[in-house]
Amino acid sequence: MSIEEYQQKYGNKWLRQWKHDKQATKTSPYVRGSRQRLKSHWRDYDYYADRVKQLTNDNKSSIPNIHKRGFNTYHIDHKISIKYGYDNGILAENIAHPSNCEMIWWKDNIRKSDKCVIDDTNQWIIDTLNE
């Protein structure tokens, strides 16, 4: 619709309606009200992270203390982070392996962000990088 048509249809309020309609037609790469990207705008990292999360969900019965999991309680933590795995070409299957997952308090998991914790149970994942 042209500006003249907006002026005829909406009178004095044509500009407000035109701005509203223009804003409504903008496409954002994110889900409204979220920091989550729309699948149509995913990058390689998003596909990798989604694969790790699917595999982790499939393996969750092997993670100790999984019964404590909840929104404001315990989260599944990837000791070697998903971001580190993507940046270093580690297979998604290795990052999702139960030996790389643990249950930690949700606030600690958010604070941890993409930092890594390497211990005896997940050292083998780092060793695969050196092969």
N, C-alpha and C. Protein backbone atom coordinates (compact mmCIF):
# COMPACT_ATOMS: atom_id res chain seq x y z
N MET A 1 0.86 -1.17 0.00
CA MET A 1 0.00 0.00 0.00
C MET A 1 0.91 1.24 0.00
N SER A 2 0.57 2.20 -0.84
CA SER A 2 1.37 3.43 -0.95
C SER A 2 1.03 4.39 0.20
N ILE A 3 1.87 5.40 0.36
CA ILE A 3 1.65 6.39 1.42
C ILE A 3 0.33 7.12 1.19
N GLU A 4 0.02 7.42 -0.07
CA GLU A 4 -1.24 8.11 -0.38
C GLU A 4 -2.45 7.26 0.05
N GLU A 5 -2.35 5.94 -0.17
CA GLU A 5 -3.45 5.06 0.23
C GLU A 5 -3.59 5.02 1.75
N TYR A 6 -2.45 5.03 2.47
CA TYR A 6 -2.50 5.09 3.93
C TYR A 6 -3.17 6.39 4.38
N GLN A 7 -2.81 7.52 3.74
CA GLN A 7 -3.39 8.81 4.12
C GLN A 7 -4.90 8.81 3.90
N GLN A 8 -5.34 8.23 2.80
CA GLN A 8 -6.78 8.18 2.52
C GLN A 8 -7.50 7.25 3.50
N LYS A 9 -6.91 6.10 3.78
CA LYS A 9 -7.58 5.11 4.62
C LYS A 9 -7.57 5.48 6.10
N TYR A 10 -6.46 6.05 6.61
CA TYR A 10 -6.31 6.28 8.05
C TYR A 10 -6.35 7.75 8.47
N GLY A 11 -6.44 8.65 7.51
CA GLY A 11 -6.54 10.07 7.85
C GLY A 11 -5.32 10.57 8.62
N ASN A 12 -5.57 11.30 9.74
CA ASN A 12 -4.48 11.88 10.54
C ASN A 12 -3.55 10.83 11.14
N LYS A 13 -4.03 9.60 11.29
CA LYS A 13 -3.24 8.56 11.96
C LYS A 13 -2.52 7.65 10.97
N TRP A 14 -2.38 8.12 9.73
CA TRP A 14 -1.78 7.27 8.71
C TRP A 14 -0.34 6.91 9.04
N LEU A 15 0.43 7.86 9.59
CA LEU A 15 1.85 7.62 9.86
C LEU A 15 2.03 6.54 10.93
N ARG A 16 1.22 6.63 11.99
CA ARG A 16 1.29 5.61 13.05
C ARG A 16 0.99 4.23 12.48
N GLN A 17 -0.05 4.11 11.67
CA GLN A 17 -0.42 2.82 11.09
C GLN A 17 0.65 2.32 10.12
N TRP A 18 1.20 3.24 9.33
CA TRP A 18 2.25 2.88 8.37
C TRP A 18 3.48 2.33 9.10
N LYS A 19 3.91 3.00 10.18
CA LYS A 19 5.05 2.53 10.98
C LYS A 19 4.75 1.17 11.61
N HIS A 20 3.52 1.02 12.13
CA HIS A 20 3.13 -0.25 12.74
C HIS A 20 3.19 -1.38 11.72
N ASP A 21 2.63 -1.15 10.55
CA ASP A 21 2.63 -2.19 9.51
C ASP A 21 4.04 -2.49 9.03
N LYS A 22 4.85 -1.47 8.92
CA LYS A 22 6.24 -1.66 8.47
C LYS A 22 7.01 -2.49 9.50
N GLN A 23 6.81 -2.20 10.77
CA GLN A 23 7.48 -2.95 11.84
C GLN A 23 7.02 -4.40 11.86
N ALA A 24 5.73 -4.62 11.61
CA ALA A 24 5.18 -5.97 11.65
C ALA A 24 5.72 -6.85 10.53
N THR A 25 6.16 -6.24 9.43
CA THR A 25 6.66 -7.03 8.31
C THR A 25 8.16 -7.30 8.39
N LYS A 26 8.85 -6.70 9.35
CA LYS A 26 10.29 -6.96 9.51
C LYS A 26 10.48 -8.39 9.96
N THR A 27 11.49 -9.03 9.42
CA THR A 27 11.80 -10.39 9.85
C THR A 27 13.06 -10.34 10.71
N SER A 28 12.97 -10.93 11.85
CA SER A 28 14.09 -11.00 12.78
C SER A 28 14.63 -12.42 12.76
N PRO A 29 15.95 -12.58 12.94
CA PRO A 29 16.49 -13.93 13.01
C PRO A 29 16.20 -14.62 14.33
N TYR A 30 15.53 -13.93 15.26
CA TYR A 30 15.28 -14.49 16.59
C TYR A 30 13.80 -14.73 16.83
N VAL A 31 13.53 -15.71 17.68
CA VAL A 31 12.16 -15.96 18.13
C VAL A 31 11.75 -14.77 18.98
N ARG A 32 10.54 -14.24 18.77
CA ARG A 32 10.08 -13.06 19.49
C ARG A 32 10.17 -13.28 21.00
N GLY A 33 10.79 -12.31 21.71
CA GLY A 33 10.92 -12.38 23.16
C GLY A 33 11.95 -13.38 23.63
N SER A 34 12.88 -13.77 22.77
CA SER A 34 13.84 -14.80 23.12
C SER A 34 15.19 -14.49 22.48
N ARG A 35 16.23 -15.13 23.00
CA ARG A 35 17.55 -15.02 22.37
C ARG A 35 17.80 -16.20 21.45
N GLN A 36 16.77 -17.01 21.21
CA GLN A 36 16.91 -18.20 20.39
C GLN A 36 16.68 -17.85 18.92
N ARG A 37 17.60 -18.28 18.06
CA ARG A 37 17.48 -18.00 16.62
C ARG A 37 16.40 -18.86 15.97
N LEU A 38 15.75 -18.28 14.96
CA LEU A 38 14.84 -19.07 14.13
C LEU A 38 15.68 -20.06 13.32
N LYS A 39 15.16 -21.23 13.09
CA LYS A 39 15.92 -22.26 12.39
C LYS A 39 16.32 -21.80 10.99
N SER A 40 15.52 -20.95 10.38
CA SER A 40 15.84 -20.46 9.04
C SER A 40 17.08 -19.55 9.05
N HIS A 41 17.51 -19.09 10.23
CA HIS A 41 18.67 -18.22 10.34
C HIS A 41 19.82 -18.89 11.10
N TRP A 42 19.77 -20.21 11.25
CA TRP A 42 20.80 -20.91 12.01
C TRP A 42 22.15 -20.85 11.31
N ARG A 43 23.20 -20.82 12.11
CA ARG A 43 24.57 -20.91 11.62
C ARG A 43 25.06 -22.33 11.89
N ASP A 44 26.26 -22.65 11.43
CA ASP A 44 26.82 -23.99 11.66
C ASP A 44 26.86 -24.32 13.15
N TYR A 45 27.23 -23.34 13.98
CA TYR A 45 27.29 -23.58 15.42
C TYR A 45 25.93 -23.99 15.98
N ASP A 46 24.86 -23.37 15.50
CA ASP A 46 23.52 -23.69 16.00
C ASP A 46 23.15 -25.14 15.70
N TYR A 47 23.51 -25.62 14.50
CA TYR A 47 23.24 -27.01 14.16
C TYR A 47 24.06 -27.96 15.04
N TYR A 48 25.33 -27.61 15.28
CA TYR A 48 26.20 -28.42 16.14
C TYR A 48 25.63 -28.47 17.56
N ALA A 49 25.28 -27.32 18.12
CA ALA A 49 24.75 -27.26 19.49
C ALA A 49 23.45 -28.04 19.60
N ASP A 50 22.60 -27.94 18.59
CA ASP A 50 21.34 -28.69 18.61
C ASP A 50 21.61 -30.19 18.59
N ARG A 51 22.57 -30.62 17.80
CA ARG A 51 22.93 -32.04 17.73
C ARG A 51 23.44 -32.53 19.09
N VAL A 52 24.32 -31.73 19.73
CA VAL A 52 24.84 -32.10 21.04
C VAL A 52 23.70 -32.23 22.04
N LYS A 53 22.76 -31.28 22.02
CA LYS A 53 21.64 -31.31 22.96
C LYS A 53 20.74 -32.52 22.72
N GLN A 54 20.52 -32.89 21.45
CA GLN A 54 19.72 -34.07 21.15
C GLN A 54 20.41 -35.33 21.67
N LEU A 55 21.72 -35.44 21.41
CA LEU A 55 22.47 -36.61 21.87
C LEU A 55 22.52 -36.68 23.40
N THR A 56 22.69 -35.53 24.04
CA THR A 56 22.72 -35.48 25.50
C THR A 56 21.38 -35.95 26.06
N ASN A 57 20.31 -35.51 25.44
CA ASN A 57 18.97 -35.93 25.88
C ASN A 57 18.80 -37.44 25.73
N ASP A 58 19.35 -37.99 24.64
CA ASP A 58 19.27 -39.44 24.43
C ASP A 58 20.07 -40.21 25.48
N ASN A 59 21.17 -39.60 25.96
CA ASN A 59 22.06 -40.27 26.93
C ASN A 59 21.78 -39.90 28.37
N LYS A 60 20.76 -39.10 28.62
CA LYS A 60 20.59 -38.54 29.97
C LYS A 60 20.38 -39.58 31.06
N SER A 61 19.87 -40.75 30.71
CA SER A 61 19.66 -41.78 31.73
C SER A 61 20.99 -42.29 32.30
N SER A 62 22.09 -42.05 31.58
CA SER A 62 23.42 -42.48 32.05
C SER A 62 24.12 -41.42 32.89
N ILE A 63 23.52 -40.24 33.04
CA ILE A 63 24.15 -39.16 33.79
C ILE A 63 23.77 -39.30 35.27
N PRO A 64 24.76 -39.38 36.16
CA PRO A 64 24.45 -39.51 37.60
C PRO A 64 23.63 -38.32 38.10
N ASN A 65 22.70 -38.59 38.98
CA ASN A 65 21.83 -37.58 39.61
C ASN A 65 20.91 -36.84 38.64
N ILE A 66 20.60 -37.45 37.51
CA ILE A 66 19.72 -36.80 36.54
C ILE A 66 18.34 -36.52 37.14
N HIS A 67 17.94 -37.29 38.13
CA HIS A 67 16.62 -37.09 38.75
C HIS A 67 16.51 -35.74 39.46
N LYS A 68 17.65 -35.07 39.73
CA LYS A 68 17.63 -33.75 40.38
C LYS A 68 17.37 -32.61 39.38
N ARG A 69 17.34 -32.93 38.11
CA ARG A 69 17.22 -31.92 37.06
C ARG A 69 15.92 -31.14 37.17
N GLY A 70 16.01 -29.80 36.99
CA GLY A 70 14.83 -28.95 37.01
C GLY A 70 15.19 -27.55 36.56
N PHE A 71 14.20 -26.70 36.36
CA PHE A 71 14.43 -25.36 35.84
C PHE A 71 15.27 -24.52 36.78
N ASN A 72 14.86 -24.39 38.03
CA ASN A 72 15.62 -23.60 39.01
C ASN A 72 16.29 -24.49 40.05
N THR A 73 16.73 -25.65 39.62
CA THR A 73 17.44 -26.55 40.53
C THR A 73 18.77 -26.94 39.89
N TYR A 74 18.84 -28.13 39.33
CA TYR A 74 20.08 -28.60 38.71
C TYR A 74 19.95 -28.63 37.20
N HIS A 75 21.06 -28.32 36.53
CA HIS A 75 21.14 -28.37 35.07
C HIS A 75 22.18 -29.40 34.66
N ILE A 76 22.03 -29.90 33.44
CA ILE A 76 23.08 -30.73 32.86
C ILE A 76 24.18 -29.80 32.38
N ASP A 77 25.39 -30.05 32.83
CA ASP A 77 26.55 -29.25 32.43
C ASP A 77 27.46 -30.10 31.56
N HIS A 78 27.89 -29.55 30.43
CA HIS A 78 28.92 -30.20 29.62
C HIS A 78 30.26 -29.68 30.12
N LYS A 79 31.02 -30.55 30.75
CA LYS A 79 32.29 -30.12 31.36
C LYS A 79 33.21 -29.51 30.31
N ILE A 80 33.35 -30.16 29.17
CA ILE A 80 33.99 -29.52 28.02
C ILE A 80 32.84 -28.91 27.25
N SER A 81 32.84 -27.60 27.16
CA SER A 81 31.66 -26.88 26.67
C SER A 81 31.35 -27.18 25.20
N ILE A 82 30.10 -26.96 24.85
CA ILE A 82 29.66 -27.13 23.47
C ILE A 82 30.43 -26.17 22.57
N LYS A 83 30.63 -24.95 23.03
CA LYS A 83 31.36 -23.95 22.24
C LYS A 83 32.80 -24.40 21.98
N TYR A 84 33.47 -24.90 23.02
CA TYR A 84 34.84 -25.39 22.86
C TYR A 84 34.86 -26.56 21.88
N GLY A 85 33.89 -27.45 21.99
CA GLY A 85 33.81 -28.58 21.08
C GLY A 85 33.65 -28.14 19.64
N TYR A 86 32.79 -27.17 19.41
CA TYR A 86 32.58 -26.65 18.05
C TYR A 86 33.86 -25.98 17.53
N ASP A 87 34.44 -25.11 18.34
CA ASP A 87 35.63 -24.37 17.91
C ASP A 87 36.82 -25.28 17.61
N ASN A 88 36.89 -26.45 18.26
CA ASN A 88 38.03 -27.33 18.10
C ASN A 88 37.72 -28.59 17.30
N GLY A 89 36.57 -28.64 16.69
CA GLY A 89 36.23 -29.75 15.80
C GLY A 89 36.02 -31.08 16.51
N ILE A 90 35.58 -31.04 17.76
CA ILE A 90 35.30 -32.28 18.50
C ILE A 90 33.94 -32.80 18.07
N LEU A 91 33.85 -34.09 17.87
CA LEU A 91 32.57 -34.68 17.47
C LEU A 91 31.47 -34.38 18.50
N ALA A 92 30.29 -34.10 18.01
CA ALA A 92 29.14 -33.83 18.89
C ALA A 92 28.88 -35.02 19.82
N GLU A 93 29.11 -36.23 19.31
CA GLU A 93 28.91 -37.44 20.11
C GLU A 93 29.83 -37.45 21.34
N ASN A 94 31.05 -36.93 21.20
CA ASN A 94 31.98 -36.90 22.33
C ASN A 94 31.59 -35.85 23.36
N ILE A 95 31.14 -34.70 22.90
CA ILE A 95 30.72 -33.64 23.83
C ILE A 95 29.46 -34.07 24.60
N ALA A 96 28.60 -34.85 23.94
CA ALA A 96 27.37 -35.31 24.58
C ALA A 96 27.56 -36.58 25.40
N HIS A 97 28.75 -37.14 25.38
CA HIS A 97 29.00 -38.40 26.10
C HIS A 97 28.75 -38.21 27.60
N PRO A 98 28.14 -39.20 28.27
CA PRO A 98 27.85 -39.06 29.71
C PRO A 98 29.08 -38.75 30.57
N SER A 99 30.28 -39.17 30.15
CA SER A 99 31.47 -38.86 30.94
C SER A 99 31.82 -37.37 30.89
N ASN A 100 31.23 -36.65 29.94
CA ASN A 100 31.46 -35.22 29.83
C ASN A 100 30.32 -34.40 30.44
N CYS A 101 29.34 -35.09 31.00
CA CYS A 101 28.17 -34.40 31.55
C CYS A 101 28.08 -34.61 33.06
N GLU A 102 27.59 -33.60 33.73
CA GLU A 102 27.36 -33.70 35.17
C GLU A 102 26.19 -32.79 35.54
N MET A 103 25.60 -33.04 36.68
CA MET A 103 24.52 -32.20 37.18
C MET A 103 25.13 -31.17 38.13
N ILE A 104 24.90 -29.89 37.84
CA ILE A 104 25.38 -28.84 38.74
C ILE A 104 24.25 -27.84 38.99
N TRP A 105 24.38 -27.10 40.09
CA TRP A 105 23.39 -26.10 40.45
C TRP A 105 23.24 -25.11 39.31
N TRP A 106 22.02 -24.73 38.99
CA TRP A 106 21.74 -23.91 37.82
C TRP A 106 22.51 -22.60 37.80
N LYS A 107 22.67 -21.94 38.94
CA LYS A 107 23.40 -20.67 38.97
C LYS A 107 24.87 -20.89 38.64
N ASP A 108 25.43 -21.99 39.14
CA ASP A 108 26.82 -22.31 38.83
C ASP A 108 27.00 -22.61 37.34
N ASN A 109 26.02 -23.25 36.76
CA ASN A 109 26.09 -23.56 35.33
C ASN A 109 26.05 -22.29 34.49
N ILE A 110 25.22 -21.35 34.88
CA ILE A 110 25.14 -20.09 34.14
C ILE A 110 26.43 -19.29 34.31
N ARG A 111 26.98 -19.28 35.52
CA ARG A 111 28.25 -18.60 35.77
C ARG A 111 29.39 -19.23 34.99
N LYS A 112 29.36 -20.54 34.89
CA LYS A 112 30.42 -21.28 34.21
C LYS A 112 30.46 -20.90 32.73
N SER A 113 29.31 -20.67 32.14
CA SER A 113 29.20 -20.27 30.74
C SER A 113 29.90 -21.29 29.85
N ASP A 114 30.91 -20.84 29.07
CA ASP A 114 31.58 -21.77 28.15
C ASP A 114 32.96 -22.20 28.64
N LYS A 115 33.20 -22.07 29.94
CA LYS A 115 34.46 -22.52 30.52
C LYS A 115 34.46 -24.04 30.57
N CYS A 116 35.65 -24.62 30.55
CA CYS A 116 35.78 -26.08 30.52
C CYS A 116 36.38 -26.61 31.82
N VAL A 117 35.95 -27.80 32.19
CA VAL A 117 36.50 -28.52 33.33
C VAL A 117 36.98 -29.87 32.79
N ILE A 118 38.30 -30.07 32.83
CA ILE A 118 38.86 -31.32 32.34
C ILE A 118 39.33 -32.14 33.53
N ASP A 119 38.83 -33.38 33.61
CA ASP A 119 39.21 -34.26 34.70
C ASP A 119 39.48 -35.66 34.13
N ASP A 120 39.66 -36.63 35.01
CA ASP A 120 39.99 -37.99 34.56
C ASP A 120 38.88 -38.61 33.71
N THR A 121 37.64 -38.23 33.95
CA THR A 121 36.53 -38.86 33.23
C THR A 121 36.37 -38.36 31.80
N ASN A 122 36.82 -37.16 31.51
CA ASN A 122 36.65 -36.64 30.15
C ASN A 122 37.96 -36.28 29.46
N GLN A 123 39.08 -36.63 30.04
CA GLN A 123 40.39 -36.35 29.45
C GLN A 123 40.52 -36.99 28.06
N TRP A 124 39.89 -38.14 27.88
CA TRP A 124 39.98 -38.85 26.60
C TRP A 124 39.46 -37.99 25.44
N ILE A 125 38.53 -37.08 25.71
CA ILE A 125 38.00 -36.23 24.64
C ILE A 125 39.09 -35.27 24.17
N ILE A 126 39.84 -34.70 25.09
CA ILE A 126 40.95 -33.80 24.75
C ILE A 126 42.06 -34.58 24.05
N ASP A 127 42.29 -35.81 24.52
CA ASP A 127 43.33 -36.65 23.90
C ASP A 127 43.04 -36.95 22.44
N THR A 128 41.74 -37.01 22.07
CA THR A 128 41.40 -37.28 20.66
C THR A 128 41.82 -36.11 19.75
N LEU A 129 41.97 -34.91 20.34
CA LEU A 129 42.41 -33.77 19.54
C LEU A 129 43.86 -33.89 19.15
N ASN A 130 44.66 -34.56 19.97
CA ASN A 130 46.09 -34.67 19.74
C ASN A 130 46.46 -35.83 18.84
N GLU A 131 45.48 -36.60 18.40
CA GLU A 131 45.79 -37.76 17.55
C GLU A 131 45.90 -37.37 16.10
